[in-house]
């Protein structure tokens, strides 16, 4: 189960058990629309993808030293273009 999607779509859910289901604060089972959960797109997904693909800080510093600000901006912008916001 996509826990992030369930929490985003069903704010009353406080506990999720992959086998038993989702439950509210009182322990009542919350019915989940699995199609809606599967269709949900994390609005912050681009942040995680960018973070994984940006050069490491030492590599960025090396790029700045050897290539200057323009080379650094080009490398960073390539990742931003690959994973745009929203």
C-alpha atoms as a PDB file:
ATOM      1  CA  UNK A   1       0.000   0.000   0.000  1.00  0.00           C
ATOM      2  CA  UNK A   2       1.108   3.517  -0.729  1.00  0.00           C
ATOM      3  CA  UNK A   3       0.997   4.953   2.787  1.00  0.00           C
ATOM      4  CA  UNK A   4       1.820   8.504   1.659  1.00  0.00           C
ATOM      5  CA  UNK A   5      -1.122   8.478  -0.747  1.00  0.00           C
ATOM      6  CA  UNK A   6      -3.498   7.128   1.891  1.00  0.00           C
ATOM      7  CA  UNK A   7      -2.468   9.748   4.441  1.00  0.00           C
ATOM      8  CA  UNK A   8      -2.804  12.501   1.824  1.00  0.00           C
ATOM      9  CA  UNK A   9      -6.198  11.353   0.535  1.00  0.00           C
ATOM     10  CA  UNK A  10      -7.670  10.296   3.881  1.00  0.00           C
ATOM     11  CA  UNK A  11      -6.572  12.750   6.595  1.00  0.00           C
ATOM     12  CA  UNK A  12      -8.625  10.889   9.225  1.00  0.00           C
ATOM     13  CA  UNK A  13      -6.355   7.829   8.873  1.00  0.00           C
ATOM     14  CA  UNK A  14      -3.795   7.533  11.675  1.00  0.00           C
ATOM     15  CA  UNK A  15      -2.745   3.875  11.335  1.00  0.00           C
ATOM     16  CA  UNK A  16      -2.159   1.682   8.296  1.00  0.00           C
ATOM     17  CA  UNK A  17      -1.613  -2.058   8.362  1.00  0.00           C
ATOM     18  CA  UNK A  18      -0.815  -3.502   4.939  1.00  0.00           C
ATOM     19  CA  UNK A  19      -2.840  -6.590   5.759  1.00  0.00           C
ATOM     20  CA  UNK A  20      -5.701  -5.279   7.916  1.00  0.00           C
ATOM     21  CA  UNK A  21      -6.254  -1.859   6.292  1.00  0.00           C
ATOM     22  CA  UNK A  22      -6.429   1.760   7.399  1.00  0.00           C
ATOM     23  CA  UNK A  23      -7.867   2.990  10.685  1.00  0.00           C
ATOM     24  CA  UNK A  24      -8.900   6.281  12.253  1.00  0.00           C
ATOM     25  CA  UNK A  25      -8.009   7.540  15.732  1.00  0.00           C
ATOM     26  CA  UNK A  26     -10.820   5.482  17.292  1.00  0.00           C
ATOM     27  CA  UNK A  27      -9.700   2.256  15.643  1.00  0.00           C
ATOM     28  CA  UNK A  28     -12.522   2.300  13.089  1.00  0.00           C
ATOM     29  CA  UNK A  29     -11.652   0.919   9.685  1.00  0.00           C
ATOM     30  CA  UNK A  30     -11.567   3.540   6.936  1.00  0.00           C
ATOM     31  CA  UNK A  31     -12.635   2.337   3.499  1.00  0.00           C
ATOM     32  CA  UNK A  32      -9.947   3.114   0.950  1.00  0.00           C
ATOM     33  CA  UNK A  33     -10.461   3.570  -2.792  1.00  0.00           C
ATOM     34  CA  UNK A  34      -7.463   1.648  -4.114  1.00  0.00           C
ATOM     35  CA  UNK A  35      -7.859   3.140  -7.601  1.00  0.00           C
ATOM     36  CA  UNK A  36      -7.572   6.654  -6.144  1.00  0.00           C
ATOM     37  CA  UNK A  37      -4.547   5.590  -4.103  1.00  0.00           C
ATOM     38  CA  UNK A  38      -2.899   4.085  -7.184  1.00  0.00           C
ATOM     39  CA  UNK A  39      -3.609   7.233  -9.232  1.00  0.00           C
ATOM     40  CA  UNK A  40      -2.253   9.630  -6.586  1.00  0.00           C
ATOM     41  CA  UNK A  41       0.917  11.446  -7.556  1.00  0.00           C
ATOM     42  CA  UNK A  42       3.148  12.736  -4.777  1.00  0.00           C
ATOM     43  CA  UNK A  43       3.441  16.509  -5.298  1.00  0.00           C
ATOM     44  CA  UNK A  44       6.934  16.361  -3.763  1.00  0.00           C
ATOM     45  CA  UNK A  45       8.250  13.522  -5.925  1.00  0.00           C
ATOM     46  CA  UNK A  46      10.336  15.911  -8.027  1.00  0.00           C
ATOM     47  CA  UNK A  47      12.286  16.913  -4.883  1.00  0.00           C
ATOM     48  CA  UNK A  48      13.324  13.338  -4.158  1.00  0.00           C
ATOM     49  CA  UNK A  49      14.279  12.692  -7.774  1.00  0.00           C
ATOM     50  CA  UNK A  50      16.322  15.894  -7.947  1.00  0.00           C
ATOM     51  CA  UNK A  51      18.116  15.168  -4.681  1.00  0.00           C
ATOM     52  CA  UNK A  52      19.110  11.725  -5.928  1.00  0.00           C
ATOM     53  CA  UNK A  53      20.473  13.080  -9.198  1.00  0.00           C
ATOM     54  CA  UNK A  54      22.240  16.303  -8.199  1.00  0.00           C
ATOM     55  CA  UNK A  55      26.017  15.987  -8.128  1.00  0.00           C
ATOM     56  CA  UNK A  56      27.467  15.520  -4.637  1.00  0.00           C
ATOM     57  CA  UNK A  57      28.587  18.665  -2.817  1.00  0.00           C
ATOM     58  CA  UNK A  58      32.294  17.849  -3.391  1.00  0.00           C
ATOM     59  CA  UNK A  59      31.569  17.341  -7.104  1.00  0.00           C
ATOM     60  CA  UNK A  60      29.651  20.624  -7.237  1.00  0.00           C
ATOM     61  CA  UNK A  61      32.524  22.469  -5.551  1.00  0.00           C
ATOM     62  CA  UNK A  62      34.978  20.888  -7.973  1.00  0.00           C
ATOM     63  CA  UNK A  63      32.767  21.956 -10.871  1.00  0.00           C
ATOM     64  CA  UNK A  64      32.668  25.515  -9.516  1.00  0.00           C
ATOM     65  CA  UNK A  65      36.440  25.610  -9.084  1.00  0.00           C
ATOM     66  CA  UNK A  66      37.306  24.153 -12.491  1.00  0.00           C
ATOM     67  CA  UNK A  67      34.362  25.263 -14.611  1.00  0.00           C
ATOM     68  CA  UNK A  68      33.094  28.368 -12.891  1.00  0.00           C
ATOM     69  CA  UNK A  69      29.598  29.449 -12.005  1.00  0.00           C
ATOM     70  CA  UNK A  70      28.234  28.921 -15.528  1.00  0.00           C
ATOM     71  CA  UNK A  71      29.282  25.250 -15.584  1.00  0.00           C
ATOM     72  CA  UNK A  72      27.751  24.704 -12.140  1.00  0.00           C
ATOM     73  CA  UNK A  73      24.482  26.422 -13.124  1.00  0.00           C
ATOM     74  CA  UNK A  74      24.292  24.337 -16.305  1.00  0.00           C
ATOM     75  CA  UNK A  75      24.719  21.069 -14.376  1.00  0.00           C
ATOM     76  CA  UNK A  76      22.100  22.031 -11.774  1.00  0.00           C
ATOM     77  CA  UNK A  77      19.658  23.347 -14.382  1.00  0.00           C
ATOM     78  CA  UNK A  78      19.883  20.069 -16.330  1.00  0.00           C
ATOM     79  CA  UNK A  79      18.561  18.204 -13.282  1.00  0.00           C
ATOM     80  CA  UNK A  80      15.873  20.836 -12.662  1.00  0.00           C
ATOM     81  CA  UNK A  81      14.759  20.572 -16.291  1.00  0.00           C
ATOM     82  CA  UNK A  82      14.644  16.776 -16.103  1.00  0.00           C
ATOM     83  CA  UNK A  83      12.436  16.884 -12.966  1.00  0.00           C
ATOM     84  CA  UNK A  84      10.305  20.050 -13.116  1.00  0.00           C
ATOM     85  CA  UNK A  85       8.083  21.157 -10.246  1.00  0.00           C
ATOM     86  CA  UNK A  86       4.550  19.844 -10.359  1.00  0.00           C
END
